[in-house]
PDB file of N, CA and C in Angstrom:
ATOM      1  N   MET A   1      -8.293 -51.070  -1.947  1.00  0.00           N
ATOM      2  CA  MET A   1      -9.311 -50.497  -1.088  1.00  0.00           C
ATOM      3  C   MET A   1      -9.886 -49.261  -1.784  1.00  0.00           C
ATOM      4  N   ALA A   2     -11.185 -49.173  -1.860  1.00  0.00           N
ATOM      5  CA  ALA A   2     -11.865 -48.071  -2.539  1.00  0.00           C
ATOM      6  C   ALA A   2     -11.902 -46.843  -1.637  1.00  0.00           C
ATOM      7  N   MET A   3     -11.791 -45.676  -2.271  1.00  0.00           N
ATOM      8  CA  MET A   3     -11.825 -44.410  -1.506  1.00  0.00           C
ATOM      9  C   MET A   3     -13.269 -43.992  -1.287  1.00  0.00           C
ATOM     10  N   LYS A   4     -13.498 -43.323  -0.198  1.00  0.00           N
ATOM     11  CA  LYS A   4     -14.828 -42.802   0.090  1.00  0.00           C
ATOM     12  C   LYS A   4     -15.099 -41.596  -0.789  1.00  0.00           C
ATOM     13  N   LYS A   5     -16.366 -41.265  -0.950  1.00  0.00           N
ATOM     14  CA  LYS A   5     -16.766 -40.118  -1.766  1.00  0.00           C
ATOM     15  C   LYS A   5     -16.152 -38.824  -1.220  1.00  0.00           C
ATOM     16  N   THR A   6     -16.128 -38.670   0.092  1.00  0.00           N
ATOM     17  CA  THR A   6     -15.568 -37.444   0.680  1.00  0.00           C
ATOM     18  C   THR A   6     -14.068 -37.332   0.417  1.00  0.00           C
ATOM     19  N   ASP A   7     -13.364 -38.461   0.455  1.00  0.00           N
ATOM     20  CA  ASP A   7     -11.928 -38.449   0.172  1.00  0.00           C
ATOM     21  C   ASP A   7     -11.663 -38.047  -1.274  1.00  0.00           C
ATOM     22  N   LEU A   8     -12.497 -38.531  -2.182  1.00  0.00           N
ATOM     23  CA  LEU A   8     -12.351 -38.171  -3.587  1.00  0.00           C
ATOM     24  C   LEU A   8     -12.560 -36.665  -3.771  1.00  0.00           C
ATOM     25  N   GLU A   9     -13.570 -36.127  -3.109  1.00  0.00           N
ATOM     26  CA  GLU A   9     -13.849 -34.688  -3.217  1.00  0.00           C
ATOM     27  C   GLU A   9     -12.711 -33.857  -2.621  1.00  0.00           C
ATOM     28  N   LYS A  10     -12.136 -34.306  -1.506  1.00  0.00           N
ATOM     29  CA  LYS A  10     -10.996 -33.605  -0.908  1.00  0.00           C
ATOM     30  C   LYS A  10      -9.814 -33.590  -1.861  1.00  0.00           C
ATOM     31  N   ASN A  11      -9.562 -34.728  -2.512  1.00  0.00           N
ATOM     32  CA  ASN A  11      -8.459 -34.800  -3.468  1.00  0.00           C
ATOM     33  C   ASN A  11      -8.683 -33.859  -4.646  1.00  0.00           C
ATOM     34  N   LYS A  12      -9.925 -33.779  -5.122  1.00  0.00           N
ATOM     35  CA  LYS A  12     -10.247 -32.861  -6.218  1.00  0.00           C
ATOM     36  C   LYS A  12      -9.991 -31.417  -5.796  1.00  0.00           C
ATOM     37  N   ALA A  13     -10.386 -31.081  -4.580  1.00  0.00           N
ATOM     38  CA  ALA A  13     -10.188 -29.715  -4.078  1.00  0.00           C
ATOM     39  C   ALA A  13      -8.704 -29.400  -3.948  1.00  0.00           C
ATOM     40  N   LEU A  14      -7.924 -30.356  -3.460  1.00  0.00           N
ATOM     41  CA  LEU A  14      -6.483 -30.145  -3.346  1.00  0.00           C
ATOM     42  C   LEU A  14      -5.841 -29.939  -4.710  1.00  0.00           C
ATOM     43  N   LYS A  15      -6.252 -30.721  -5.688  1.00  0.00           N
ATOM     44  CA  LYS A  15      -5.711 -30.571  -7.035  1.00  0.00           C
ATOM     45  C   LYS A  15      -6.054 -29.193  -7.598  1.00  0.00           C
ATOM     46  N   LEU A  16      -7.290 -28.762  -7.365  1.00  0.00           N
ATOM     47  CA  LEU A  16      -7.713 -27.455  -7.865  1.00  0.00           C
ATOM     48  C   LEU A  16      -6.920 -26.331  -7.198  1.00  0.00           C
ATOM     49  N   ASN A  17      -6.747 -26.408  -5.888  1.00  0.00           N
ATOM     50  CA  ASN A  17      -5.963 -25.390  -5.169  1.00  0.00           C
ATOM     51  C   ASN A  17      -4.520 -25.357  -5.657  1.00  0.00           C
ATOM     52  N   ASN A  18      -3.929 -26.518  -5.838  1.00  0.00           N
ATOM     53  CA  ASN A  18      -2.546 -26.582  -6.304  1.00  0.00           C
ATOM     54  C   ASN A  18      -2.416 -26.055  -7.730  1.00  0.00           C
ATOM     55  N   ALA A  19      -3.435 -26.258  -8.544  1.00  0.00           N
ATOM     56  CA  ALA A  19      -3.399 -25.754  -9.919  1.00  0.00           C
ATOM     57  C   ALA A  19      -3.509 -24.230  -9.949  1.00  0.00           C
ATOM     58  N   MET A  20      -4.207 -23.653  -8.977  1.00  0.00           N
ATOM     59  CA  MET A  20      -4.404 -22.199  -8.955  1.00  0.00           C
ATOM     60  C   MET A  20      -3.214 -21.465  -8.346  1.00  0.00           C
ATOM     61  N   LYS A  21      -2.466 -22.067  -7.465  1.00  0.00           N
ATOM     62  CA  LYS A  21      -1.367 -21.398  -6.764  1.00  0.00           C
ATOM     63  C   LYS A  21      -0.288 -20.843  -7.699  1.00  0.00           C
ATOM     64  N   PRO A  22       0.248 -21.615  -8.628  1.00  0.00           N
ATOM     65  CA  PRO A  22       1.318 -21.066  -9.466  1.00  0.00           C
ATOM     66  C   PRO A  22       0.880 -19.856 -10.288  1.00  0.00           C
ATOM     67  N   SER A  23      -0.333 -19.866 -10.812  1.00  0.00           N
ATOM     68  CA  SER A  23      -0.775 -18.738 -11.630  1.00  0.00           C
ATOM     69  C   SER A  23      -0.940 -17.484 -10.780  1.00  0.00           C
ATOM     70  N   THR A  24      -1.468 -17.613  -9.575  1.00  0.00           N
ATOM     71  CA  THR A  24      -1.636 -16.465  -8.694  1.00  0.00           C
ATOM     72  C   THR A  24      -0.284 -15.944  -8.226  1.00  0.00           C
ATOM     73  N   ALA A  25       0.587 -16.842  -7.805  1.00  0.00           N
ATOM     74  CA  ALA A  25       1.895 -16.436  -7.308  1.00  0.00           C
ATOM     75  C   ALA A  25       2.697 -15.767  -8.417  1.00  0.00           C
ATOM     76  N   GLU A  26       2.601 -16.272  -9.619  1.00  0.00           N
ATOM     77  CA  GLU A  26       3.339 -15.701 -10.740  1.00  0.00           C
ATOM     78  C   GLU A  26       2.832 -14.305 -11.062  1.00  0.00           C
ATOM     79  N   ARG A  27       1.523 -14.141 -11.063  1.00  0.00           N
ATOM     80  CA  ARG A  27       0.938 -12.847 -11.406  1.00  0.00           C
ATOM     81  C   ARG A  27       1.352 -11.781 -10.400  1.00  0.00           C
ATOM     82  N   PHE A  28       1.244 -12.078  -9.122  1.00  0.00           N
ATOM     83  CA  PHE A  28       1.602 -11.092  -8.114  1.00  0.00           C
ATOM     84  C   PHE A  28       3.112 -10.939  -8.003  1.00  0.00           C
ATOM     85  N   GLY A  29       3.845 -11.993  -8.260  1.00  0.00           N
ATOM     86  CA  GLY A  29       5.290 -11.926  -8.197  1.00  0.00           C
ATOM     87  C   GLY A  29       5.864 -10.978  -9.234  1.00  0.00           C
ATOM     88  N   LYS A  30       5.284 -10.974 -10.437  1.00  0.00           N
ATOM     89  CA  LYS A  30       5.758 -10.083 -11.497  1.00  0.00           C
ATOM     90  C   LYS A  30       5.491  -8.631 -11.136  1.00  0.00           C
ATOM     91  N   ALA A  31       4.324  -8.359 -10.594  1.00  0.00           N
ATOM     92  CA  ALA A  31       3.982  -6.979 -10.229  1.00  0.00           C
ATOM     93  C   ALA A  31       4.878  -6.484  -9.098  1.00  0.00           C
ATOM     94  N   ALA A  32       5.157  -7.350  -8.160  1.00  0.00           N
ATOM     95  CA  ALA A  32       6.004  -6.953  -7.040  1.00  0.00           C
ATOM     96  C   ALA A  32       7.441  -6.729  -7.494  1.00  0.00           C
ATOM     97  N   ALA A  33       7.896  -7.527  -8.440  1.00  0.00           N
ATOM     98  CA  ALA A  33       9.265  -7.387  -8.927  1.00  0.00           C
ATOM     99  C   ALA A  33       9.424  -6.144  -9.797  1.00  0.00           C
ATOM    100  N   ALA A  34       8.354  -5.718 -10.475  1.00  0.00           N
ATOM    101  CA  ALA A  34       8.421  -4.576 -11.381  1.00  0.00           C
ATOM    102  C   ALA A  34       8.611  -3.264 -10.618  1.00  0.00           C
ATOM    103  N   ALA A  35       7.971  -3.137  -9.468  1.00  0.00           N
ATOM    104  CA  ALA A  35       8.054  -1.896  -8.697  1.00  0.00           C
ATOM    105  C   ALA A  35       9.228  -1.978  -7.717  1.00  0.00           C
ATOM    106  N   PRO A  36      10.130  -1.008  -7.753  1.00  0.00           N
ATOM    107  CA  PRO A  36      11.223  -1.027  -6.776  1.00  0.00           C
ATOM    108  C   PRO A  36      10.667  -0.772  -5.383  1.00  0.00           C
ATOM    109  N   LYS A  37      10.985  -1.651  -4.462  1.00  0.00           N
ATOM    110  CA  LYS A  37      10.407  -1.557  -3.135  1.00  0.00           C
ATOM    111  C   LYS A  37      11.454  -1.053  -2.150  1.00  0.00           C
ATOM    112  N   VAL A  38      11.096  -0.036  -1.403  1.00  0.00           N
ATOM    113  CA  VAL A  38      11.977   0.524  -0.387  1.00  0.00           C
ATOM    114  C   VAL A  38      11.406   0.125   0.967  1.00  0.00           C
ATOM    115  N   ASP A  39      12.232  -0.493   1.804  1.00  0.00           N
ATOM    116  CA  ASP A  39      11.721  -0.895   3.102  1.00  0.00           C
ATOM    117  C   ASP A  39      11.618   0.319   4.026  1.00  0.00           C
ATOM    118  N   ARG A  40      10.992   0.145   5.147  1.00  0.00           N
ATOM    119  CA  ARG A  40      10.711   1.254   6.058  1.00  0.00           C
ATOM    120  C   ARG A  40      11.968   1.944   6.552  1.00  0.00           C
ATOM    121  N   ARG A  41      12.990   1.152   6.842  1.00  0.00           N
ATOM    122  CA  ARG A  41      14.230   1.722   7.358  1.00  0.00           C
ATOM    123  C   ARG A  41      14.880   2.628   6.313  1.00  0.00           C
ATOM    124  N   GLU A  42      14.922   2.170   5.058  1.00  0.00           N
ATOM    125  CA  GLU A  42      15.495   2.986   3.988  1.00  0.00           C
ATOM    126  C   GLU A  42      14.663   4.244   3.757  1.00  0.00           C
ATOM    127  N   GLN A  43      13.335   4.085   3.795  1.00  0.00           N
ATOM    128  CA  GLN A  43      12.457   5.243   3.594  1.00  0.00           C
ATOM    129  C   GLN A  43      12.658   6.267   4.709  1.00  0.00           C
ATOM    130  N   ARG A  44      12.821   5.803   5.931  1.00  0.00           N
ATOM    131  CA  ARG A  44      13.064   6.702   7.059  1.00  0.00           C
ATOM    132  C   ARG A  44      14.360   7.483   6.858  1.00  0.00           C
ATOM    133  N   LYS A  45      15.408   6.800   6.381  1.00  0.00           N
ATOM    134  CA  LYS A  45      16.680   7.473   6.116  1.00  0.00           C
ATOM    135  C   LYS A  45      16.543   8.514   5.021  1.00  0.00           C
ATOM    136  N   LEU A  46      15.779   8.182   3.967  1.00  0.00           N
ATOM    137  CA  LEU A  46      15.551   9.135   2.883  1.00  0.00           C
ATOM    138  C   LEU A  46      14.790  10.361   3.390  1.00  0.00           C
ATOM    139  N   ASP A  47      13.783  10.124   4.222  1.00  0.00           N
ATOM    140  CA  ASP A  47      13.002  11.232   4.784  1.00  0.00           C
ATOM    141  C   ASP A  47      13.870  12.110   5.678  1.00  0.00           C
ATOM    142  N   GLN A  48      14.705  11.508   6.498  1.00  0.00           N
ATOM    143  CA  GLN A  48      15.586  12.278   7.381  1.00  0.00           C
ATOM    144  C   GLN A  48      16.577  13.112   6.582  1.00  0.00           C
ATOM    145  N   ALA A  49      17.055  12.565   5.482  1.00  0.00           N
ATOM    146  CA  ALA A  49      17.994  13.315   4.638  1.00  0.00           C
ATOM    147  C   ALA A  49      17.322  14.551   4.042  1.00  0.00           C
ATOM    148  N   GLN A  50      16.011  14.477   3.821  1.00  0.00           N
ATOM    149  CA  GLN A  50      15.264  15.621   3.286  1.00  0.00           C
ATOM    150  C   GLN A  50      14.806  16.562   4.390  1.00  0.00           C
ATOM    151  N   GLY A  51      15.059  16.198   5.643  1.00  0.00           N
ATOM    152  CA  GLY A  51      14.647  17.026   6.769  1.00  0.00           C
ATOM    153  C   GLY A  51      13.192  16.832   7.162  1.00  0.00           C
ATOM    154  N   LEU A  52      12.586  15.728   6.748  1.00  0.00           N
ATOM    155  CA  LEU A  52      11.185  15.468   7.060  1.00  0.00           C
ATOM    156  C   LEU A  52      11.058  14.816   8.432  1.00  0.00           C
ATOM    157  N   VAL A  53      10.028  15.224   9.173  1.00  0.00           N
ATOM    158  CA  VAL A  53       9.750  14.686  10.496  1.00  0.00           C
ATOM    159  C   VAL A  53       8.291  14.245  10.518  1.00  0.00           C
ATOM    160  N   ALA A  54       8.019  13.079  11.070  1.00  0.00           N
ATOM    161  CA  ALA A  54       6.634  12.601  11.181  1.00  0.00           C
ATOM    162  C   ALA A  54       5.861  13.496  12.141  1.00  0.00           C
ATOM    163  N   PHE A  55       4.646  13.882  11.749  1.00  0.00           N
ATOM    164  CA  PHE A  55       3.806  14.749  12.567  1.00  0.00           C
ATOM    165  C   PHE A  55       2.379  14.229  12.468  1.00  0.00           C
ATOM    166  N   ALA A  56       1.887  13.647  13.529  1.00  0.00           N
ATOM    167  CA  ALA A  56       0.553  13.054  13.528  1.00  0.00           C
ATOM    168  C   ALA A  56      -0.430  13.968  14.226  1.00  0.00           C
ATOM    169  N   CYS A  57      -1.624  14.085  13.663  1.00  0.00           N
ATOM    170  CA  CYS A  57      -2.697  14.848  14.296  1.00  0.00           C
ATOM    171  C   CYS A  57      -4.029  14.273  13.833  1.00  0.00           C
ATOM    172  N   LYS A  58      -5.086  14.619  14.523  1.00  0.00           N
ATOM    173  CA  LYS A  58      -6.413  14.138  14.166  1.00  0.00           C
ATOM    174  C   LYS A  58      -7.171  15.264  13.478  1.00  0.00           C
ATOM    175  N   LEU A  59      -7.772  14.932  12.328  1.00  0.00           N
ATOM    176  CA  LEU A  59      -8.512  15.912  11.542  1.00  0.00           C
ATOM    177  C   LEU A  59      -9.948  15.464  11.373  1.00  0.00           C
ATOM    178  N   ASN A  60     -10.798  16.413  11.089  1.00  0.00           N
ATOM    179  CA  ASN A  60     -12.180  16.136  10.739  1.00  0.00           C
ATOM    180  C   ASN A  60     -12.183  15.279   9.468  1.00  0.00           C
ATOM    181  N   GLY A  61     -13.084  14.325   9.368  1.00  0.00           N
ATOM    182  CA  GLY A  61     -13.144  13.417   8.221  1.00  0.00           C
ATOM    183  C   GLY A  61     -13.323  14.136   6.899  1.00  0.00           C
ATOM    184  N   ASP A  62     -14.169  15.181   6.887  1.00  0.00           N
ATOM    185  CA  ASP A  62     -14.399  15.936   5.648  1.00  0.00           C
ATOM    186  C   ASP A  62     -13.132  16.668   5.223  1.00  0.00           C
ATOM    187  N   LEU A  63     -12.433  17.237   6.186  1.00  0.00           N
ATOM    188  CA  LEU A  63     -11.194  17.949   5.893  1.00  0.00           C
ATOM    189  C   LEU A  63     -10.134  16.988   5.372  1.00  0.00           C
ATOM    190  N   ALA A  64     -10.040  15.810   5.982  1.00  0.00           N
ATOM    191  CA  ALA A  64      -9.062  14.809   5.539  1.00  0.00           C
ATOM    192  C   ALA A  64      -9.368  14.356   4.111  1.00  0.00           C
ATOM    193  N   ALA A  65     -10.652  14.170   3.796  1.00  0.00           N
ATOM    194  CA  ALA A  65     -11.037  13.768   2.444  1.00  0.00           C
ATOM    195  C   ALA A  65     -10.675  14.852   1.433  1.00  0.00           C
ATOM    196  N   GLU A  66     -10.903  16.117   1.793  1.00  0.00           N
ATOM    197  CA  GLU A  66     -10.556  17.217   0.895  1.00  0.00           C
ATOM    198  C   GLU A  66      -9.044  17.303   0.687  1.00  0.00           C
ATOM    199  N   LEU A  67      -8.278  17.095   1.761  1.00  0.00           N
ATOM    200  CA  LEU A  67      -6.821  17.088   1.625  1.00  0.00           C
ATOM    201  C   LEU A  67      -6.358  15.977   0.685  1.00  0.00           C
ATOM    202  N   LYS A  68      -6.949  14.798   0.803  1.00  0.00           N
ATOM    203  CA  LYS A  68      -6.579  13.682  -0.068  1.00  0.00           C
ATOM    204  C   LYS A  68      -6.879  14.000  -1.529  1.00  0.00           C
ATOM    205  N   GLU A  69      -8.034  14.625  -1.778  1.00  0.00           N
ATOM    206  CA  GLU A  69      -8.404  14.992  -3.152  1.00  0.00           C
ATOM    207  C   GLU A  69      -7.405  15.994  -3.728  1.00  0.00           C
ATOM    208  N   ARG A  70      -7.092  17.016  -2.961  1.00  0.00           N
ATOM    209  CA  ARG A  70      -6.167  18.043  -3.443  1.00  0.00           C
ATOM    210  C   ARG A  70      -4.742  17.514  -3.559  1.00  0.00           C
ATOM    211  N   ALA A  71      -4.361  16.615  -2.667  1.00  0.00           N
ATOM    212  CA  ALA A  71      -3.004  16.054  -2.699  1.00  0.00           C
ATOM    213  C   ALA A  71      -2.785  15.210  -3.954  1.00  0.00           C
ATOM    214  N   ALA A  72      -3.865  14.651  -4.493  1.00  0.00           N
ATOM    215  CA  ALA A  72      -3.742  13.834  -5.701  1.00  0.00           C
ATOM    216  C   ALA A  72      -3.239  14.669  -6.878  1.00  0.00           C
ATOM    217  N   THR A  73      -3.555  15.961  -6.905  1.00  0.00           N
ATOM    218  CA  THR A  73      -3.129  16.819  -8.008  1.00  0.00           C
ATOM    219  C   THR A  73      -1.927  17.686  -7.645  1.00  0.00           C
ATOM    220  N   HIS A  74      -1.540  17.680  -6.382  1.00  0.00           N
ATOM    221  CA  HIS A  74      -0.406  18.498  -5.942  1.00  0.00           C
ATOM    222  C   HIS A  74       0.898  17.850  -6.398  1.00  0.00           C
ATOM    223  N   PRO A  75       1.863  18.647  -6.880  1.00  0.00           N
ATOM    224  CA  PRO A  75       3.107  18.055  -7.382  1.00  0.00           C
ATOM    225  C   PRO A  75       3.914  17.286  -6.326  1.00  0.00           C
ATOM    226  N   GLU A  76       3.848  17.687  -5.067  1.00  0.00           N
ATOM    227  CA  GLU A  76       4.599  16.993  -4.016  1.00  0.00           C
ATOM    228  C   GLU A  76       3.738  16.004  -3.243  1.00  0.00           C
ATOM    229  N   GLY A  77       2.497  15.838  -3.627  1.00  0.00           N
ATOM    230  CA  GLY A  77       1.625  14.852  -3.005  1.00  0.00           C
ATOM    231  C   GLY A  77       1.182  15.233  -1.607  1.00  0.00           C
ATOM    232  N   MET A  78       0.902  14.226  -0.804  1.00  0.00           N
ATOM    233  CA  MET A  78       0.355  14.427   0.531  1.00  0.00           C
ATOM    234  C   MET A  78       1.368  15.044   1.488  1.00  0.00           C
ATOM    235  N   THR A  79       2.642  14.956   1.200  1.00  0.00           N
ATOM    236  CA  THR A  79       3.633  15.596   2.065  1.00  0.00           C
ATOM    237  C   THR A  79       3.718  17.087   1.769  1.00  0.00           C
ATOM    238  N   GLY A  80       3.716  17.444   0.508  1.00  0.00           N
ATOM    239  CA  GLY A  80       3.893  18.841   0.113  1.00  0.00           C
ATOM    240  C   GLY A  80       2.689  19.716   0.377  1.00  0.00           C
ATOM    241  N   LEU A  81       1.488  19.171   0.192  1.00  0.00           N
ATOM    242  CA  LEU A  81       0.272  19.982   0.365  1.00  0.00           C
ATOM    243  C   LEU A  81       0.117  20.505   1.789  1.00  0.00           C
ATOM    244  N   PRO A  82       0.167  19.670   2.823  1.00  0.00           N
ATOM    245  CA  PRO A  82       0.055  20.216   4.178  1.00  0.00           C
ATOM    246  C   PRO A  82       1.183  21.193   4.514  1.00  0.00           C
ATOM    247  N   ASN A  83       2.398  20.922   4.022  1.00  0.00           N
ATOM    248  CA  ASN A  83       3.494  21.868   4.243  1.00  0.00           C
ATOM    249  C   ASN A  83       3.124  23.242   3.698  1.00  0.00           C
ATOM    250  N   GLU A  84       2.623  23.255   2.489  1.00  0.00           N
ATOM    251  CA  GLU A  84       2.250  24.521   1.840  1.00  0.00           C
ATOM    252  C   GLU A  84       1.118  25.214   2.593  1.00  0.00           C
ATOM    253  N   VAL A  85       0.098  24.463   2.956  1.00  0.00           N
ATOM    254  CA  VAL A  85      -1.069  25.035   3.644  1.00  0.00           C
ATOM    255  C   VAL A  85      -0.681  25.581   5.021  1.00  0.00           C
ATOM    256  N   ILE A  86       0.130  24.842   5.757  1.00  0.00           N
ATOM    257  CA  ILE A  86       0.537  25.286   7.093  1.00  0.00           C
ATOM    258  C   ILE A  86       1.420  26.519   7.016  1.00  0.00           C
ATOM    259  N   LYS A  87       2.328  26.554   6.055  1.00  0.00           N
ATOM    260  CA  LYS A  87       3.198  27.723   5.891  1.00  0.00           C
ATOM    261  C   LYS A  87       2.359  28.966   5.584  1.00  0.00           C
ATOM    262  N   ARG A  88       1.365  28.807   4.681  1.00  0.00           N
ATOM    263  CA  ARG A  88       0.492  29.951   4.369  1.00  0.00           C
ATOM    264  C   ARG A  88      -0.293  30.400   5.582  1.00  0.00           C
ATOM    265  N   GLY A  89      -0.772  29.433   6.374  1.00  0.00           N
ATOM    266  CA  GLY A  89      -1.555  29.756   7.568  1.00  0.00           C
ATOM    267  C   GLY A  89      -0.736  30.459   8.643  1.00  0.00           C
ATOM    268  N   LEU A  90       0.495  30.011   8.802  1.00  0.00           N
ATOM    269  CA  LEU A  90       1.342  30.632   9.826  1.00  0.00           C
ATOM    270  C   LEU A  90       1.854  32.001   9.385  1.00  0.00           C
ATOM    271  N   ALA A  91       1.983  32.233   8.087  1.00  0.00           N
ATOM    272  CA  ALA A  91       2.477  33.523   7.596  1.00  0.00           C
ATOM    273  C   ALA A  91       1.421  34.608   7.727  1.00  0.00           C
ATOM    274  N   GLY A  92       0.163  34.253   7.654  1.00  0.00           N
ATOM    275  CA  GLY A  92      -0.880  35.285   7.648  1.00  0.00           C
ATOM    276  C   GLY A  92      -1.654  35.316   8.835  1.00  0.00           C
TER     277      GLY A  92
END
């Protein structure tokens, strides 16, 4: 029994998808394996050991963008910069 044109095209698409899956999975799998991943529970324990507490607030968009820019060059990153700024603000 001969296959219809649409069935042939579906089979071609399936073959193409199956051919692409291993290369994509391999590429992302290597990158994920290279970086040590800490799950949320472990990260929470690490933060608690350092005495860190989550503190959420709403900021002006421009201020948040400036904080992100400065945090990129700050040695302690986004956690250390607000700590430093708040301590300076409360001291003076």
